[in-house]
C-alpha atoms as a PDB file:
ATOM      1  CA  MET A   1       0.000   0.000   0.000  1.00  0.00           C
ATOM      2  CA  LYS A   2       1.329   3.387  -0.983  1.00  0.00           C
ATOM      3  CA  GLU A   3       1.990   5.607   2.019  1.00  0.00           C
ATOM      4  CA  GLN A   4      -0.282   8.663   2.038  1.00  0.00           C
ATOM      5  CA  GLN A   5       1.556  11.968   2.096  1.00  0.00           C
ATOM      6  CA  PRO A   6       0.500  14.592   4.645  1.00  0.00           C
ATOM      7  CA  ASN A   7      -2.024  17.059   3.264  1.00  0.00           C
ATOM      8  CA  ALA A   8      -0.538  20.562   3.054  1.00  0.00           C
ATOM      9  CA  THR A   9      -3.896  22.259   3.635  1.00  0.00           C
ATOM     10  CA  ARG A  10      -5.747  21.443   6.829  1.00  0.00           C
ATOM     11  CA  VAL A  11      -9.443  20.837   6.253  1.00  0.00           C
ATOM     12  CA  ALA A  12     -12.184  21.688   8.765  1.00  0.00           C
ATOM     13  CA  VAL A  13     -15.730  20.378   8.274  1.00  0.00           C
ATOM     14  CA  VAL A  14     -18.521  22.198  10.122  1.00  0.00           C
ATOM     15  CA  THR A  15     -22.039  20.786  10.026  1.00  0.00           C
ATOM     16  CA  GLY A  16     -24.684  23.373  10.770  1.00  0.00           C
ATOM     17  CA  GLY A  17     -22.100  25.842   9.536  1.00  0.00           C
ATOM     18  CA  ALA A  18     -24.438  28.370   7.947  1.00  0.00           C
ATOM     19  CA  ARG A  19     -25.245  30.522  10.963  1.00  0.00           C
ATOM     20  CA  GLY A  20     -24.801  31.040  14.682  1.00  0.00           C
ATOM     21  CA  ILE A  21     -22.092  28.946  16.359  1.00  0.00           C
ATOM     22  CA  GLY A  22     -21.432  27.021  13.147  1.00  0.00           C
ATOM     23  CA  GLU A  23     -20.850  30.193  11.145  1.00  0.00           C
ATOM     24  CA  ALA A  24     -18.525  31.580  13.808  1.00  0.00           C
ATOM     25  CA  ALA A  25     -16.559  28.313  13.808  1.00  0.00           C
ATOM     26  CA  CYS A  26     -16.232  28.431  10.007  1.00  0.00           C
ATOM     27  CA  ARG A  27     -14.912  31.978  10.143  1.00  0.00           C
ATOM     28  CA  ARG A  28     -12.510  31.089  12.953  1.00  0.00           C
ATOM     29  CA  PHE A  29     -11.004  28.111  11.124  1.00  0.00           C
ATOM     30  CA  ALA A  30     -10.756  30.059   7.871  1.00  0.00           C
ATOM     31  CA  ALA A  31      -8.809  32.759   9.738  1.00  0.00           C
ATOM     32  CA  MET A  32      -6.484  30.007  10.996  1.00  0.00           C
ATOM     33  CA  GLY A  33      -5.720  28.957   7.422  1.00  0.00           C
ATOM     34  CA  PHE A  34      -7.984  25.926   7.129  1.00  0.00           C
ATOM     35  CA  ALA A  35      -9.917  25.015   4.028  1.00  0.00           C
ATOM     36  CA  VAL A  36     -13.474  24.939   5.371  1.00  0.00           C
ATOM     37  CA  ALA A  37     -16.343  22.725   4.287  1.00  0.00           C
ATOM     38  CA  ILE A  38     -19.518  24.590   5.302  1.00  0.00           C
ATOM     39  CA  VAL A  39     -22.439  22.200   5.680  1.00  0.00           C
ATOM     40  CA  PRO A  40     -25.798  23.837   6.476  1.00  0.00           C
ATOM     41  CA  THR A  41     -28.578  21.871   8.128  1.00  0.00           C
ATOM     42  CA  THR A  42     -31.049  22.715   5.353  1.00  0.00           C
ATOM     43  CA  GLY A  43     -31.470  25.141   2.472  1.00  0.00           C
ATOM     44  CA  ALA A  44     -29.025  27.725   1.177  1.00  0.00           C
ATOM     45  CA  ALA A  45     -28.570  29.737   4.372  1.00  0.00           C
ATOM     46  CA  GLY A  46     -25.028  31.018   4.620  1.00  0.00           C
ATOM     47  CA  GLN A  47     -24.132  30.642   0.961  1.00  0.00           C
ATOM     48  CA  ALA A  48     -23.926  34.423   0.528  1.00  0.00           C
ATOM     49  CA  TRP A  49     -21.191  34.953   3.124  1.00  0.00           C
ATOM     50  CA  ALA A  50     -19.362  31.685   2.392  1.00  0.00           C
ATOM     51  CA  GLY A  51     -17.682  33.387  -0.569  1.00  0.00           C
ATOM     52  CA  GLU A  52     -15.974  35.767   1.865  1.00  0.00           C
ATOM     53  CA  LEU A  53     -13.792  32.956   3.239  1.00  0.00           C
ATOM     54  CA  ALA A  54     -10.711  31.978   1.278  1.00  0.00           C
ATOM     55  CA  GLY A  55     -10.653  28.244   0.626  1.00  0.00           C
ATOM     56  CA  ALA A  56     -14.202  27.670   1.875  1.00  0.00           C
ATOM     57  CA  ARG A  57     -16.666  25.418   0.065  1.00  0.00           C
ATOM     58  CA  PHE A  58     -20.403  25.121   0.626  1.00  0.00           C
ATOM     59  CA  TRP A  59     -22.242  21.782   0.507  1.00  0.00           C
ATOM     60  CA  ARG A  60     -25.839  21.005   1.375  1.00  0.00           C
ATOM     61  CA  CYS A  61     -26.354  17.753   3.262  1.00  0.00           C
ATOM     62  CA  ASP A  62     -29.098  16.311   5.437  1.00  0.00           C
ATOM     63  CA  VAL A  63     -27.016  14.995   8.334  1.00  0.00           C
ATOM     64  CA  ALA A  64     -29.939  12.786   9.373  1.00  0.00           C
ATOM     65  CA  ASP A  65     -29.219  10.688   6.252  1.00  0.00           C
ATOM     66  CA  ALA A  66     -26.197   8.459   6.895  1.00  0.00           C
ATOM     67  CA  GLN A  67     -25.627   7.714   3.204  1.00  0.00           C
ATOM     68  CA  ALA A  68     -25.729  11.425   2.371  1.00  0.00           C
ATOM     69  CA  VAL A  69     -23.085  12.118   5.010  1.00  0.00           C
ATOM     70  CA  ASP A  70     -20.889   9.317   3.638  1.00  0.00           C
ATOM     71  CA  ALA A  71     -21.205  10.882   0.170  1.00  0.00           C
ATOM     72  CA  LEU A  72     -20.349  14.293   1.611  1.00  0.00           C
ATOM     73  CA  ALA A  73     -17.206  12.910   3.257  1.00  0.00           C
ATOM     74  CA  GLU A  74     -16.078  11.403  -0.038  1.00  0.00           C
ATOM     75  CA  ARG A  75     -16.664  14.672  -1.878  1.00  0.00           C
ATOM     76  CA  VAL A  76     -14.835  16.742   0.734  1.00  0.00           C
ATOM     77  CA  GLN A  77     -11.836  14.429   0.528  1.00  0.00           C
ATOM     78  CA  ARG A  78     -11.870  14.475  -3.256  1.00  0.00           C
ATOM     79  CA  GLU A  79     -12.145  18.262  -3.593  1.00  0.00           C
ATOM     80  CA  LEU A  80     -10.409  19.617  -0.470  1.00  0.00           C
ATOM     81  CA  GLY A  81      -8.543  16.713   1.079  1.00  0.00           C
ATOM     82  CA  PRO A  82      -9.173  14.558   4.163  1.00  0.00           C
ATOM     83  CA  ALA A  83     -10.709  16.301   7.150  1.00  0.00           C
ATOM     84  CA  SER A  84      -8.411  17.063  10.047  1.00  0.00           C
ATOM     85  CA  VAL A  85     -11.135  18.799  12.072  1.00  0.00           C
ATOM     86  CA  LEU A  86     -14.851  18.063  12.399  1.00  0.00           C
ATOM     87  CA  VAL A  87     -17.340  20.263  14.264  1.00  0.00           C
ATOM     88  CA  THR A  88     -20.864  18.858  14.596  1.00  0.00           C
ATOM     89  CA  SER A  89     -22.931  21.993  15.044  1.00  0.00           C
ATOM     90  CA  ALA A  90     -26.036  20.922  13.103  1.00  0.00           C
ATOM     91  CA  ALA A  91     -29.063  20.987  15.399  1.00  0.00           C
ATOM     92  CA  LEU A  92     -32.726  21.815  15.595  1.00  0.00           C
ATOM     93  CA  ILE A  93     -33.706  24.171  18.434  1.00  0.00           C
ATOM     94  CA  PRO A  94     -36.849  23.352  20.452  1.00  0.00           C
ATOM     95  CA  ASN A  95     -39.506  25.178  22.395  1.00  0.00           C
ATOM     96  CA  THR A  96     -40.594  24.151  25.880  1.00  0.00           C
ATOM     97  CA  GLU A  97     -43.019  21.246  25.938  1.00  0.00           C
ATOM     98  CA  SER A  98     -44.055  18.326  28.115  1.00  0.00           C
ATOM     99  CA  VAL A  99     -43.267  14.666  27.563  1.00  0.00           C
ATOM    100  CA  LEU A 100     -46.946  13.671  27.650  1.00  0.00           C
ATOM    101  CA  ASP A 101     -48.083  16.284  25.133  1.00  0.00           C
ATOM    102  CA  MET A 102     -45.088  16.643  22.808  1.00  0.00           C
ATOM    103  CA  ASP A 103     -45.281  16.209  19.042  1.00  0.00           C
ATOM    104  CA  LEU A 104     -43.748  12.753  18.521  1.00  0.00           C
ATOM    105  CA  GLU A 105     -42.944  13.363  14.868  1.00  0.00           C
ATOM    106  CA  ALA A 106     -41.025  16.526  15.785  1.00  0.00           C
ATOM    107  CA  HIS A 107     -39.378  14.626  18.658  1.00  0.00           C
ATOM    108  CA  ASP A 108     -38.122  11.934  16.282  1.00  0.00           C
ATOM    109  CA  ARG A 109     -36.931  14.475  13.715  1.00  0.00           C
ATOM    110  CA  MET A 110     -34.930  16.301  16.377  1.00  0.00           C
ATOM    111  CA  TRP A 111     -33.208  13.056  17.388  1.00  0.00           C
ATOM    112  CA  ARG A 112     -32.456  12.244  13.746  1.00  0.00           C
ATOM    113  CA  VAL A 113     -30.779  15.624  13.204  1.00  0.00           C
ATOM    114  CA  ASN A 114     -29.241  16.397  16.599  1.00  0.00           C
ATOM    115  CA  TYR A 115     -28.085  12.978  17.798  1.00  0.00           C
ATOM    116  CA  HIS A 116     -28.058  10.713  14.754  1.00  0.00           C
ATOM    117  CA  GLY A 117     -26.636  13.530  12.638  1.00  0.00           C
ATOM    118  CA  THR A 118     -23.752  13.779  15.099  1.00  0.00           C
ATOM    119  CA  VAL A 119     -23.216  10.012  14.959  1.00  0.00           C
ATOM    120  CA  HIS A 120     -23.263   9.996  11.154  1.00  0.00           C
ATOM    121  CA  ALA A 121     -20.743  12.825  10.839  1.00  0.00           C
ATOM    122  CA  CYS A 122     -18.399  11.338  13.445  1.00  0.00           C
ATOM    123  CA  ARG A 123     -18.499   7.932  11.752  1.00  0.00           C
ATOM    124  CA  SER A 124     -17.949   9.197   8.209  1.00  0.00           C
ATOM    125  CA  PHE A 125     -15.232  11.728   8.975  1.00  0.00           C
ATOM    126  CA  GLY A 126     -13.721   9.680  11.812  1.00  0.00           C
ATOM    127  CA  ARG A 127     -13.091   6.819   9.358  1.00  0.00           C
ATOM    128  CA  GLN A 128     -11.608   9.355   6.953  1.00  0.00           C
ATOM    129  CA  MET A 129      -9.233  10.647   9.627  1.00  0.00           C
ATOM    130  CA  ILE A 130      -8.146   7.105  10.488  1.00  0.00           C
ATOM    131  CA  ALA A 131      -7.449   6.293   6.842  1.00  0.00           C
ATOM    132  CA  ALA A 132      -5.453   9.513   6.390  1.00  0.00           C
ATOM    133  CA  GLY A 133      -3.265   8.540   9.340  1.00  0.00           C
ATOM    134  CA  GLN A 134      -2.632  12.132  10.411  1.00  0.00           C
ATOM    135  CA  GLY A 135      -4.675  12.264  13.614  1.00  0.00           C
ATOM    136  CA  GLY A 136      -7.380  14.870  13.986  1.00  0.00           C
ATOM    137  CA  ALA A 137      -9.843  16.581  16.277  1.00  0.00           C
ATOM    138  CA  ILE A 138     -13.611  16.333  16.585  1.00  0.00           C
ATOM    139  CA  VAL A 139     -15.755  18.736  18.600  1.00  0.00           C
ATOM    140  CA  THR A 140     -19.405  17.947  19.209  1.00  0.00           C
ATOM    141  CA  LEU A 141     -21.920  20.563  20.289  1.00  0.00           C
ATOM    142  CA  GLY A 142     -23.231  19.757  23.717  1.00  0.00           C
ATOM    143  CA  SER A 143     -25.074  22.168  25.997  1.00  0.00           C
ATOM    144  CA  ILE A 144     -25.768  23.105  29.568  1.00  0.00           C
ATOM    145  CA  ASN A 145     -28.663  20.756  28.764  1.00  0.00           C
ATOM    146  CA  SER A 146     -26.069  17.976  29.009  1.00  0.00           C
ATOM    147  CA  LEU A 147     -25.769  18.613  32.764  1.00  0.00           C
ATOM    148  CA  LEU A 148     -29.269  19.042  34.214  1.00  0.00           C
ATOM    149  CA  PRO A 149     -32.866  18.272  33.182  1.00  0.00           C
ATOM    150  CA  MET A 150     -34.842  20.952  31.356  1.00  0.00           C
ATOM    151  CA  PRO A 151     -38.405  20.864  29.940  1.00  0.00           C
ATOM    152  CA  LEU A 152     -37.119  20.061  26.437  1.00  0.00           C
ATOM    153  CA  PRO A 153     -37.916  16.332  26.166  1.00  0.00           C
ATOM    154  CA  ALA A 154     -36.241  15.703  22.806  1.00  0.00           C
ATOM    155  CA  TYR A 155     -33.403  18.245  22.873  1.00  0.00           C
ATOM    156  CA  ASN A 156     -32.345  17.712  26.504  1.00  0.00           C
ATOM    157  CA  PRO A 157     -31.887  13.890  26.446  1.00  0.00           C
ATOM    158  CA  GLY A 158     -30.270  14.225  23.020  1.00  0.00           C
ATOM    159  CA  LYS A 159     -27.600  16.535  24.403  1.00  0.00           C
ATOM    160  CA  VAL A 160     -26.982  14.094  27.271  1.00  0.00           C
ATOM    161  CA  ALA A 161     -26.556  11.322  24.695  1.00  0.00           C
ATOM    162  CA  ILE A 162     -24.067  13.437  22.719  1.00  0.00           C
ATOM    163  CA  ALA A 163     -21.977  13.935  25.875  1.00  0.00           C
ATOM    164  CA  ARG A 164     -21.735  10.168  26.379  1.00  0.00           C
ATOM    165  CA  LEU A 165     -21.119   9.581  22.665  1.00  0.00           C
ATOM    166  CA  THR A 166     -18.219  12.041  22.858  1.00  0.00           C
ATOM    167  CA  GLN A 167     -16.615  10.022  25.646  1.00  0.00           C
ATOM    168  CA  LEU A 168     -17.073   6.729  23.790  1.00  0.00           C
ATOM    169  CA  LEU A 169     -15.523   8.157  20.623  1.00  0.00           C
ATOM    170  CA  ALA A 170     -12.625   9.680  22.572  1.00  0.00           C
ATOM    171  CA  VAL A 171     -11.580   6.191  23.683  1.00  0.00           C
ATOM    172  CA  GLU A 172     -12.354   4.509  20.373  1.00  0.00           C
ATOM    173  CA  LEU A 173     -10.421   7.036  18.265  1.00  0.00           C
ATOM    174  CA  GLY A 174      -7.680   7.934  20.725  1.00  0.00           C
ATOM    175  CA  ARG A 175      -5.391   5.156  19.530  1.00  0.00           C
ATOM    176  CA  HIS A 176      -5.431   6.801  16.094  1.00  0.00           C
ATOM    177  CA  GLY A 177      -4.354  10.177  17.478  1.00  0.00           C
ATOM    178  CA  ILE A 178      -7.843  11.607  17.078  1.00  0.00           C
ATOM    179  CA  ARG A 179      -9.180  13.651  19.977  1.00  0.00           C
ATOM    180  CA  VAL A 180     -12.922  14.021  20.592  1.00  0.00           C
ATOM    181  CA  ASN A 181     -14.325  16.721  22.866  1.00  0.00           C
ATOM    182  CA  SER A 182     -17.513  18.694  23.325  1.00  0.00           C
ATOM    183  CA  VAL A 183     -18.442  22.271  24.162  1.00  0.00           C
ATOM    184  CA  GLY A 184     -21.399  22.999  26.413  1.00  0.00           C
ATOM    185  CA  PRO A 185     -22.802  26.494  25.838  1.00  0.00           C
ATOM    186  CA  THR A 186     -25.482  28.225  27.830  1.00  0.00           C
ATOM    187  CA  TYR A 187     -27.881  30.539  25.978  1.00  0.00           C
ATOM    188  CA  VAL A 188     -25.751  32.043  23.212  1.00  0.00           C
ATOM    189  CA  MET A 189     -26.395  35.611  22.126  1.00  0.00           C
ATOM    190  CA  THR A 190     -26.985  34.879  18.470  1.00  0.00           C
ATOM    191  CA  PRO A 191     -28.899  37.280  16.218  1.00  0.00           C
ATOM    192  CA  GLN A 192     -31.818  34.866  16.468  1.00  0.00           C
ATOM    193  CA  LEU A 193     -31.865  34.987  20.276  1.00  0.00           C
ATOM    194  CA  GLN A 194     -31.472  38.776  20.257  1.00  0.00           C
ATOM    195  CA  ALA A 195     -34.471  39.035  17.924  1.00  0.00           C
ATOM    196  CA  ARG A 196     -36.563  36.852  20.238  1.00  0.00           C
ATOM    197  CA  ILE A 197     -35.618  39.012  23.224  1.00  0.00           C
ATOM    198  CA  GLU A 198     -36.543  42.177  21.339  1.00  0.00           C
ATOM    199  CA  ALA A 199     -39.845  40.611  20.281  1.00  0.00           C
ATOM    200  CA  GLY A 200     -40.680  39.748  23.897  1.00  0.00           C
ATOM    201  CA  LEU A 201     -40.439  35.993  23.285  1.00  0.00           C
ATOM    202  CA  ARG A 202     -37.498  35.560  25.684  1.00  0.00           C
ATOM    203  CA  ASP A 203     -36.867  37.278  29.019  1.00  0.00           C
ATOM    204  CA  ARG A 204     -33.214  38.325  29.179  1.00  0.00           C
ATOM    205  CA  ASP A 205     -33.376  39.248  32.882  1.00  0.00           C
ATOM    206  CA  ARG A 206     -34.740  35.813  33.725  1.00  0.00           C
ATOM    207  CA  MET A 207     -31.969  34.139  31.737  1.00  0.00           C
ATOM    208  CA  MET A 208     -29.254  36.234  33.367  1.00  0.00           C
ATOM    209  CA  ALA A 209     -30.614  35.589  36.866  1.00  0.00           C
ATOM    210  CA  VAL A 210     -29.077  32.081  36.906  1.00  0.00           C
ATOM    211  CA  HIS A 211     -25.587  32.973  35.666  1.00  0.00           C
ATOM    212  CA  ALA A 212     -22.537  34.059  37.659  1.00  0.00           C
ATOM    213  CA  LEU A 213     -21.492  36.593  35.020  1.00  0.00           C
ATOM    214  CA  ASP A 214     -23.631  39.415  33.705  1.00  0.00           C
ATOM    215  CA  THR A 215     -23.056  38.610  30.040  1.00  0.00           C
ATOM    216  CA  LEU A 216     -23.857  35.695  27.762  1.00  0.00           C
ATOM    217  CA  PRO A 217     -21.356  34.136  25.358  1.00  0.00           C
ATOM    218  CA  THR A 218     -21.470  35.117  21.709  1.00  0.00           C
ATOM    219  CA  PRO A 219     -21.029  32.617  18.858  1.00  0.00           C
ATOM    220  CA  GLU A 220     -17.448  33.876  18.599  1.00  0.00           C
ATOM    221  CA  ASP A 221     -16.816  32.899  22.231  1.00  0.00           C
ATOM    222  CA  ILE A 222     -17.953  29.340  21.469  1.00  0.00           C
ATOM    223  CA  ALA A 223     -15.850  29.283  18.301  1.00  0.00           C
ATOM    224  CA  ASP A 224     -12.790  30.296  20.338  1.00  0.00           C
ATOM    225  CA  ALA A 225     -13.370  27.338  22.681  1.00  0.00           C
ATOM    226  CA  ILE A 226     -13.802  24.993  19.714  1.00  0.00           C
ATOM    227  CA  ALA A 227     -10.584  26.275  18.129  1.00  0.00           C
ATOM    228  CA  PHE A 228      -8.730  25.728  21.404  1.00  0.00           C
ATOM    229  CA  LEU A 229      -9.933  22.119  21.650  1.00  0.00           C
ATOM    230  CA  CYS A 230      -8.707  21.519  18.090  1.00  0.00           C
ATOM    231  CA  SER A 231      -5.326  23.171  18.664  1.00  0.00           C
ATOM    232  CA  PRO A 232      -1.958  21.748  19.774  1.00  0.00           C
ATOM    233  CA  ALA A 233      -2.512  23.548  23.096  1.00  0.00           C
ATOM    234  CA  ALA A 234      -5.170  20.891  23.854  1.00  0.00           C
ATOM    235  CA  ARG A 235      -3.121  17.940  22.573  1.00  0.00           C
ATOM    236  CA  THR A 236      -3.713  15.845  25.723  1.00  0.00           C
ATOM    237  CA  ILE A 237      -7.350  16.858  26.243  1.00  0.00           C
ATOM    238  CA  THR A 238      -9.972  14.393  25.042  1.00  0.00           C
ATOM    239  CA  GLY A 239     -13.381  13.145  26.156  1.00  0.00           C
ATOM    240  CA  VAL A 240     -14.320  16.345  28.007  1.00  0.00           C
ATOM    241  CA  LEU A 241     -17.360  18.599  27.975  1.00  0.00           C
ATOM    242  CA  LEU A 242     -16.007  22.147  28.157  1.00  0.00           C
ATOM    243  CA  PRO A 243     -18.685  24.480  29.561  1.00  0.00           C
ATOM    244  CA  VAL A 244     -18.821  27.929  27.963  1.00  0.00           C
ATOM    245  CA  GLU A 245     -21.705  29.181  30.032  1.00  0.00           C
ATOM    246  CA  SER A 246     -20.976  32.349  32.019  1.00  0.00           C
ATOM    247  CA  GLY A 247     -20.969  30.416  35.286  1.00  0.00           C
ATOM    248  CA  TRP A 248     -24.414  28.836  34.822  1.00  0.00           C
ATOM    249  CA  ALA A 249     -23.485  25.499  36.416  1.00  0.00           C
ATOM    250  CA  CYS A 250     -22.187  27.090  39.607  1.00  0.00           C
ATOM    251  CA  ALA A 251     -24.938  29.711  39.814  1.00  0.00           C
ATOM    252  CA  VAL A 252     -28.180  27.967  38.893  1.00  0.00           C
ATOM    253  CA  SER A 253     -28.654  26.259  42.269  1.00  0.00           C
ATOM    254  CA  ASN A 254     -26.875  28.977  44.257  1.00  0.00           C
ATOM    255  CA  LYS A 255     -29.005  31.832  42.928  1.00  0.00           C
ATOM    256  CA  THR A 256     -32.269  29.910  43.251  1.00  0.00           C
ATOM    257  CA  TYR A 257     -31.662  28.931  46.898  1.00  0.00           C
ATOM    258  CA  ALA A 258     -34.905  29.410  48.832  1.00  0.00           C
ATOM    259  CA  ALA A 259     -33.356  31.754  51.423  1.00  0.00           C
ATOM    260  CA  GLY A 260     -31.885  33.962  48.730  1.00  0.00           C
ATOM    261  CA  VAL A 261     -28.322  35.046  48.116  1.00  0.00           C
ATOM    262  CA  PRO A 262     -26.616  37.021  50.913  1.00  0.00           C
ATOM    263  CA  TRP A 263     -26.038  40.200  48.902  1.00  0.00           C
ATOM    264  CA  ALA A 264     -29.720  40.411  47.992  1.00  0.00           C
ATOM    265  CA  GLN A 265     -30.659  40.076  51.679  1.00  0.00           C
ATOM    266  CA  ASP A 266     -28.200  42.820  52.599  1.00  0.00           C
ATOM    267  CA  ALA A 267     -29.694  45.072  49.934  1.00  0.00           C
END
């Protein structure tokens, strides 16, 4: 078998790369000199700005379709080279609902995109990284939903499953020099969230009340964490969920304590 030569251009694949965290990750990797495969969840969203990034290519793919993701991986390798980085940002975002009354068709679709889509991408591009023999880094998109229950009966368990999947893959792929980690954002101040706040559909004060810091992360903050996990600076970090959540995990129980926080009592 002919030995494969190292690819001169590093390739980053970002599913859900058309907007929000995915878009920020695409821009971050492009700035780092990667060729970027931008893979939107659906439609042509993001195609307009994709041309701004040198070396970026735009492919539509339904990540819920395993065969489509396999075909995408083959095309990326053929046209850009083997992936050295994979970010699985493709996800559907839910509204609050109850288990007993939820729309089961929507529940199943969310699992197919959020969880199965992550599995499909990790399998297709993980095999590609193994075959290339150059190591690699995978970052899955977890959430603060990975840590505690929330009234999101499809999204919440799916994010828990992605956290465990990340750990399984970290062990399975570690012997090939491929690291697998996850980021766990809180509410991210995307343009979509800002629009919902301005429309009165989300209460910013209520969201901030359970965080230690008085600001929410932006998509660029999450992209910075993703870039770190894919960098040589994180060469011995694998299988972790890195919270990027303005102190949500340490504040949510503290700030909702029945007796109140001491500084509020003093006031």
